[in-house]
């Protein structure tokens, strides 16, 4: 694992309504992971998923499909 800190961002589709998730993509190359957290609780835990799982999730969302993993 790396000592790099996540650099969090919200989707440009976020409406600033407060019900958002934040992701950090700066750890993809160094660690192969994508951290995800609740924007309302930045001090709370982050879910760390593999780049393959994140890519699959994003593709499914874009295509309006659901997959059970």
PDB file of N, CA and C in Angstrom:
ATOM      1  N   UNK A   1       0.851  -1.178   0.000  1.00  0.00           N
ATOM      2  CA  UNK A   1       0.000   0.000   0.000  1.00  0.00           C
ATOM      3  C   UNK A   1       0.890   1.233   0.000  1.00  0.00           C
ATOM      4  N   UNK A   2       0.341   2.321  -0.376  1.00  0.00           N
ATOM      5  CA  UNK A   2       1.092   3.569  -0.481  1.00  0.00           C
ATOM      6  C   UNK A   2       0.767   4.494   0.691  1.00  0.00           C
ATOM      7  N   UNK A   3       1.596   5.492   0.874  1.00  0.00           N
ATOM      8  CA  UNK A   3       1.323   6.477   1.925  1.00  0.00           C
ATOM      9  C   UNK A   3       0.562   7.685   1.365  1.00  0.00           C
ATOM     10  N   UNK A   4       0.230   7.650   0.068  1.00  0.00           N
ATOM     11  CA  UNK A   4      -0.542   8.737  -0.526  1.00  0.00           C
ATOM     12  C   UNK A   4      -1.900   8.850   0.149  1.00  0.00           C
ATOM     13  N   UNK A   5      -2.343  10.086   0.328  1.00  0.00           N
ATOM     14  CA  UNK A   5      -3.670  10.327   0.889  1.00  0.00           C
ATOM     15  C   UNK A   5      -4.674  10.470  -0.244  1.00  0.00           C
ATOM     16  N   UNK A   6      -5.893   9.980  -0.043  1.00  0.00           N
ATOM     17  CA  UNK A   6      -6.915  10.145  -1.085  1.00  0.00           C
ATOM     18  C   UNK A   6      -7.223  11.618  -1.322  1.00  0.00           C
ATOM     19  N   UNK A   7      -7.425  11.973  -2.577  1.00  0.00           N
ATOM     20  CA  UNK A   7      -7.906  13.305  -2.945  1.00  0.00           C
ATOM     21  C   UNK A   7      -9.347  13.127  -3.408  1.00  0.00           C
ATOM     22  N   UNK A   8     -10.267  13.530  -2.569  1.00  0.00           N
ATOM     23  CA  UNK A   8     -11.687  13.252  -2.756  1.00  0.00           C
ATOM     24  C   UNK A   8     -12.338  14.238  -3.716  1.00  0.00           C
ATOM     25  N   UNK A   9     -13.313  13.747  -4.484  1.00  0.00           N
ATOM     26  CA  UNK A   9     -14.137  14.624  -5.309  1.00  0.00           C
ATOM     27  C   UNK A   9     -15.525  14.035  -5.471  1.00  0.00           C
ATOM     28  N   UNK A  10     -16.480  14.909  -5.745  1.00  0.00           N
ATOM     29  CA  UNK A  10     -17.870  14.506  -6.020  1.00  0.00           C
ATOM     30  C   UNK A  10     -18.098  14.553  -7.518  1.00  0.00           C
ATOM     31  N   UNK A  11     -19.050  13.807  -7.969  1.00  0.00           N
ATOM     32  CA  UNK A  11     -19.424  13.805  -9.376  1.00  0.00           C
ATOM     33  C   UNK A  11     -19.917  15.177  -9.804  1.00  0.00           C
ATOM     34  N   UNK A  12     -19.650  15.516 -11.049  1.00  0.00           N
ATOM     35  CA  UNK A  12     -20.188  16.772 -11.585  1.00  0.00           C
ATOM     36  C   UNK A  12     -21.702  16.699 -11.722  1.00  0.00           C
ATOM     37  N   UNK A  13     -22.263  15.495 -11.644  1.00  0.00           N
ATOM     38  CA  UNK A  13     -23.713  15.325 -11.685  1.00  0.00           C
ATOM     39  C   UNK A  13     -24.342  15.546 -10.315  1.00  0.00           C
ATOM     40  N   UNK A  14     -23.514  15.668  -9.297  1.00  0.00           N
ATOM     41  CA  UNK A  14     -24.008  15.916  -7.948  1.00  0.00           C
ATOM     42  C   UNK A  14     -24.687  17.273  -7.928  1.00  0.00           C
ATOM     43  N   UNK A  15     -25.833  17.322  -7.290  1.00  0.00           N
ATOM     44  CA  UNK A  15     -26.635  18.539  -7.277  1.00  0.00           C
ATOM     45  C   UNK A  15     -26.409  19.353  -6.018  1.00  0.00           C
ATOM     46  N   UNK A  16     -25.343  19.059  -5.282  1.00  0.00           N
ATOM     47  CA  UNK A  16     -25.062  19.722  -4.009  1.00  0.00           C
ATOM     48  C   UNK A  16     -26.209  19.588  -3.019  1.00  0.00           C
ATOM     49  N   UNK A  17     -27.002  18.555  -3.162  1.00  0.00           N
ATOM     50  CA  UNK A  17     -28.102  18.319  -2.240  1.00  0.00           C
ATOM     51  C   UNK A  17     -27.668  17.596  -0.980  1.00  0.00           C
ATOM     52  N   UNK A  18     -26.406  17.200  -0.903  1.00  0.00           N
ATOM     53  CA  UNK A  18     -25.896  16.563   0.292  1.00  0.00           C
ATOM     54  C   UNK A  18     -25.951  15.053   0.283  1.00  0.00           C
ATOM     55  N   UNK A  19     -26.678  14.460  -0.654  1.00  0.00           N
ATOM     56  CA  UNK A  19     -26.780  13.001  -0.715  1.00  0.00           C
ATOM     57  C   UNK A  19     -25.840  12.472  -1.783  1.00  0.00           C
ATOM     58  N   UNK A  20     -24.567  12.573  -1.512  1.00  0.00           N
ATOM     59  CA  UNK A  20     -23.563  12.236  -2.520  1.00  0.00           C
ATOM     60  C   UNK A  20     -22.528  11.268  -1.955  1.00  0.00           C
ATOM     61  N   UNK A  21     -21.838  10.651  -2.864  1.00  0.00           N
ATOM     62  CA  UNK A  21     -20.642   9.905  -2.495  1.00  0.00           C
ATOM     63  C   UNK A  21     -19.465  10.649  -3.082  1.00  0.00           C
ATOM     64  N   UNK A  22     -18.318  10.440  -2.473  1.00  0.00           N
ATOM     65  CA  UNK A  22     -17.073  10.988  -2.985  1.00  0.00           C
ATOM     66  C   UNK A  22     -16.156   9.830  -3.314  1.00  0.00           C
ATOM     67  N   UNK A  23     -15.359   9.993  -4.339  1.00  0.00           N
ATOM     68  CA  UNK A  23     -14.388   8.974  -4.718  1.00  0.00           C
ATOM     69  C   UNK A  23     -13.014   9.610  -4.822  1.00  0.00           C
ATOM     70  N   UNK A  24     -12.022   8.779  -4.776  1.00  0.00           N
ATOM     71  CA  UNK A  24     -10.644   9.228  -4.947  1.00  0.00           C
ATOM     72  C   UNK A  24     -10.006   8.341  -6.001  1.00  0.00           C
ATOM     73  N   UNK A  25      -9.568   8.952  -7.087  1.00  0.00           N
ATOM     74  CA  UNK A  25      -8.947   8.164  -8.157  1.00  0.00           C
ATOM     75  C   UNK A  25      -7.428   8.284  -8.181  1.00  0.00           C
ATOM     76  N   UNK A  26      -6.863   9.084  -7.291  1.00  0.00           N
ATOM     77  CA  UNK A  26      -5.412   9.245  -7.315  1.00  0.00           C
ATOM     78  C   UNK A  26      -4.655   8.020  -6.800  1.00  0.00           C
ATOM     79  N   UNK A  27      -5.339   7.050  -6.232  1.00  0.00           N
ATOM     80  CA  UNK A  27      -4.663   5.849  -5.737  1.00  0.00           C
ATOM     81  C   UNK A  27      -4.736   4.677  -6.715  1.00  0.00           C
ATOM     82  N   UNK A  28      -5.378   4.892  -7.872  1.00  0.00           N
ATOM     83  CA  UNK A  28      -5.554   3.808  -8.831  1.00  0.00           C
ATOM     84  C   UNK A  28      -4.210   3.263  -9.304  1.00  0.00           C
ATOM     85  N   UNK A  29      -3.327   4.111  -9.734  1.00  0.00           N
ATOM     86  CA  UNK A  29      -2.045   3.654 -10.278  1.00  0.00           C
ATOM     87  C   UNK A  29      -1.150   3.070  -9.194  1.00  0.00           C
ATOM     88  N   UNK A  30      -1.034   3.747  -8.067  1.00  0.00           N
ATOM     89  CA  UNK A  30      -0.099   3.303  -7.027  1.00  0.00           C
ATOM     90  C   UNK A  30      -0.603   2.105  -6.229  1.00  0.00           C
ATOM     91  N   UNK A  31      -1.931   1.981  -6.078  1.00  0.00           N
ATOM     92  CA  UNK A  31      -2.458   0.928  -5.201  1.00  0.00           C
ATOM     93  C   UNK A  31      -3.477   0.008  -5.862  1.00  0.00           C
ATOM     94  N   UNK A  32      -4.032   0.410  -6.989  1.00  0.00           N
ATOM     95  CA  UNK A  32      -5.031  -0.418  -7.661  1.00  0.00           C
ATOM     96  C   UNK A  32      -6.377  -0.425  -6.974  1.00  0.00           C
ATOM     97  N   UNK A  33      -6.673   0.629  -6.216  1.00  0.00           N
ATOM     98  CA  UNK A  33      -7.939   0.704  -5.494  1.00  0.00           C
ATOM     99  C   UNK A  33      -8.621   2.053  -5.714  1.00  0.00           C
ATOM    100  N   UNK A  34      -9.940   2.064  -5.488  1.00  0.00           N
ATOM    101  CA  UNK A  34     -10.732   3.291  -5.544  1.00  0.00           C
ATOM    102  C   UNK A  34     -11.488   3.412  -4.223  1.00  0.00           C
ATOM    103  N   UNK A  35     -11.084   4.333  -3.353  1.00  0.00           N
ATOM    104  CA  UNK A  35     -11.828   4.566  -2.114  1.00  0.00           C
ATOM    105  C   UNK A  35     -13.122   5.341  -2.409  1.00  0.00           C
ATOM    106  N   UNK A  36     -14.174   5.001  -1.677  1.00  0.00           N
ATOM    107  CA  UNK A  36     -15.485   5.647  -1.817  1.00  0.00           C
ATOM    108  C   UNK A  36     -15.982   5.968  -0.416  1.00  0.00           C
ATOM    109  N   UNK A  37     -16.557   7.170  -0.227  1.00  0.00           N
ATOM    110  CA  UNK A  37     -17.082   7.523   1.091  1.00  0.00           C
ATOM    111  C   UNK A  37     -18.340   8.378   0.960  1.00  0.00           C
ATOM    112  N   UNK A  38     -19.075   8.479   2.050  1.00  0.00           N
ATOM    113  CA  UNK A  38     -20.272   9.306   2.146  1.00  0.00           C
ATOM    114  C   UNK A  38     -19.839  10.753   2.335  1.00  0.00           C
ATOM    115  N   UNK A  39     -20.294  11.639   1.458  1.00  0.00           N
ATOM    116  CA  UNK A  39     -19.869  13.040   1.539  1.00  0.00           C
ATOM    117  C   UNK A  39     -20.388  13.744   2.783  1.00  0.00           C
ATOM    118  N   UNK A  40     -21.455  13.216   3.364  1.00  0.00           N
ATOM    119  CA  UNK A  40     -21.991  13.824   4.588  1.00  0.00           C
ATOM    120  C   UNK A  40     -21.174  13.457   5.813  1.00  0.00           C
ATOM    121  N   UNK A  41     -20.346  12.416   5.710  1.00  0.00           N
ATOM    122  CA  UNK A  41     -19.523  11.951   6.831  1.00  0.00           C
ATOM    123  C   UNK A  41     -18.080  11.757   6.391  1.00  0.00           C
ATOM    124  N   UNK A  42     -17.400  12.837   6.028  1.00  0.00           N
ATOM    125  CA  UNK A  42     -16.029  12.685   5.521  1.00  0.00           C
ATOM    126  C   UNK A  42     -15.068  12.092   6.539  1.00  0.00           C
ATOM    127  N   UNK A  43     -15.388  12.202   7.810  1.00  0.00           N
ATOM    128  CA  UNK A  43     -14.532  11.618   8.843  1.00  0.00           C
ATOM    129  C   UNK A  43     -14.832  10.139   9.054  1.00  0.00           C
ATOM    130  N   UNK A  44     -15.912   9.661   8.453  1.00  0.00           N
ATOM    131  CA  UNK A  44     -16.334   8.268   8.615  1.00  0.00           C
ATOM    132  C   UNK A  44     -15.507   7.318   7.765  1.00  0.00           C
ATOM    133  N   UNK A  45     -15.898   6.063   7.753  1.00  0.00           N
ATOM    134  CA  UNK A  45     -15.130   5.055   7.018  1.00  0.00           C
ATOM    135  C   UNK A  45     -15.266   5.217   5.509  1.00  0.00           C
ATOM    136  N   UNK A  46     -14.302   4.685   4.808  1.00  0.00           N
ATOM    137  CA  UNK A  46     -14.336   4.643   3.343  1.00  0.00           C
ATOM    138  C   UNK A  46     -14.358   3.186   2.908  1.00  0.00           C
ATOM    139  N   UNK A  47     -15.120   2.927   1.891  1.00  0.00           N
ATOM    140  CA  UNK A  47     -15.150   1.610   1.271  1.00  0.00           C
ATOM    141  C   UNK A  47     -14.065   1.608   0.203  1.00  0.00           C
ATOM    142  N   UNK A  48     -13.194   0.627   0.224  1.00  0.00           N
ATOM    143  CA  UNK A  48     -12.101   0.557  -0.743  1.00  0.00           C
ATOM    144  C   UNK A  48     -12.382  -0.617  -1.674  1.00  0.00           C
ATOM    145  N   UNK A  49     -12.536  -0.309  -2.963  1.00  0.00           N
ATOM    146  CA  UNK A  49     -12.855  -1.349  -3.939  1.00  0.00           C
ATOM    147  C   UNK A  49     -11.739  -1.435  -4.977  1.00  0.00           C
ATOM    148  N   UNK A  50     -11.630  -2.582  -5.592  1.00  0.00           N
ATOM    149  CA  UNK A  50     -10.612  -2.769  -6.636  1.00  0.00           C
ATOM    150  C   UNK A  50     -10.996  -1.936  -7.859  1.00  0.00           C
ATOM    151  N   UNK A  51     -10.005  -1.635  -8.672  1.00  0.00           N
ATOM    152  CA  UNK A  51     -10.290  -0.876  -9.891  1.00  0.00           C
ATOM    153  C   UNK A  51     -11.210  -1.657 -10.819  1.00  0.00           C
ATOM    154  N   UNK A  52     -11.075  -2.976 -10.842  1.00  0.00           N
ATOM    155  CA  UNK A  52     -11.947  -3.797 -11.687  1.00  0.00           C
ATOM    156  C   UNK A  52     -13.391  -3.716 -11.219  1.00  0.00           C
ATOM    157  N   UNK A  53     -13.608  -3.780  -9.909  1.00  0.00           N
ATOM    158  CA  UNK A  53     -14.973  -3.689  -9.367  1.00  0.00           C
ATOM    159  C   UNK A  53     -15.560  -2.305  -9.628  1.00  0.00           C
ATOM    160  N   UNK A  54     -14.756  -1.257  -9.459  1.00  0.00           N
ATOM    161  CA  UNK A  54     -15.233   0.110  -9.702  1.00  0.00           C
ATOM    162  C   UNK A  54     -15.600   0.298 -11.174  1.00  0.00           C
ATOM    163  N   UNK A  55     -14.750  -0.191 -12.055  1.00  0.00           N
ATOM    164  CA  UNK A  55     -15.012  -0.089 -13.489  1.00  0.00           C
ATOM    165  C   UNK A  55     -16.303  -0.805 -13.865  1.00  0.00           C
ATOM    166  N   UNK A  56     -16.514  -1.982 -13.307  1.00  0.00           N
ATOM    167  CA  UNK A  56     -17.733  -2.743 -13.556  1.00  0.00           C
ATOM    168  C   UNK A  56     -18.962  -1.988 -13.058  1.00  0.00           C
ATOM    169  N   UNK A  57     -18.854  -1.388 -11.874  1.00  0.00           N
ATOM    170  CA  UNK A  57     -19.948  -0.607 -11.305  1.00  0.00           C
ATOM    171  C   UNK A  57     -20.290   0.581 -12.198  1.00  0.00           C
ATOM    172  N   UNK A  58     -19.287   1.349 -12.594  1.00  0.00           N
ATOM    173  CA  UNK A  58     -19.512   2.535 -13.429  1.00  0.00           C
ATOM    174  C   UNK A  58     -20.128   2.143 -14.772  1.00  0.00           C
ATOM    175  N   UNK A  59     -19.627   1.079 -15.369  1.00  0.00           N
ATOM    176  CA  UNK A  59     -20.190   0.601 -16.634  1.00  0.00           C
ATOM    177  C   UNK A  59     -21.650   0.216 -16.477  1.00  0.00           C
ATOM    178  N   UNK A  60     -21.969  -0.480 -15.393  1.00  0.00           N
ATOM    179  CA  UNK A  60     -23.354  -0.886 -15.139  1.00  0.00           C
ATOM    180  C   UNK A  60     -24.267   0.318 -14.950  1.00  0.00           C
ATOM    181  N   UNK A  61     -23.793   1.318 -14.238  1.00  0.00           N
ATOM    182  CA  UNK A  61     -24.584   2.527 -14.032  1.00  0.00           C
ATOM    183  C   UNK A  61     -24.819   3.241 -15.362  1.00  0.00           C
ATOM    184  N   UNK A  62     -23.791   3.365 -16.168  1.00  0.00           N
ATOM    185  CA  UNK A  62     -23.912   4.028 -17.466  1.00  0.00           C
ATOM    186  C   UNK A  62     -24.896   3.334 -18.381  1.00  0.00           C
ATOM    187  N   UNK A  63     -24.950   2.016 -18.292  1.00  0.00           N
ATOM    188  CA  UNK A  63     -25.822   1.239 -19.159  1.00  0.00           C
ATOM    189  C   UNK A  63     -27.168   0.916 -18.517  1.00  0.00           C
ATOM    190  N   UNK A  64     -27.362   1.328 -17.291  1.00  0.00           N
ATOM    191  CA  UNK A  64     -28.626   1.081 -16.602  1.00  0.00           C
ATOM    192  C   UNK A  64     -28.862  -0.379 -16.268  1.00  0.00           C
ATOM    193  N   UNK A  65     -27.795  -1.124 -16.082  1.00  0.00           N
ATOM    194  CA  UNK A  65     -27.916  -2.536 -15.738  1.00  0.00           C
ATOM    195  C   UNK A  65     -27.522  -2.766 -14.286  1.00  0.00           C
ATOM    196  N   UNK A  66     -27.928  -3.893 -13.779  1.00  0.00           N
ATOM    197  CA  UNK A  66     -27.568  -4.255 -12.411  1.00  0.00           C
ATOM    198  C   UNK A  66     -26.905  -5.618 -12.432  1.00  0.00           C
ATOM    199  N   UNK A  67     -25.872  -5.754 -11.626  1.00  0.00           N
ATOM    200  CA  UNK A  67     -25.197  -7.037 -11.488  1.00  0.00           C
ATOM    201  C   UNK A  67     -25.046  -7.346 -10.020  1.00  0.00           C
ATOM    202  N   UNK A  68     -25.248  -8.594  -9.691  1.00  0.00           N
ATOM    203  CA  UNK A  68     -25.005  -9.047  -8.325  1.00  0.00           C
ATOM    204  C   UNK A  68     -23.605  -9.602  -8.289  1.00  0.00           C
ATOM    205  N   UNK A  69     -22.794  -9.086  -7.366  1.00  0.00           N
ATOM    206  CA  UNK A  69     -21.413  -9.559  -7.257  1.00  0.00           C
ATOM    207  C   UNK A  69     -21.244 -10.381  -6.033  1.00  0.00           C
TER     208      UNK A  69
END
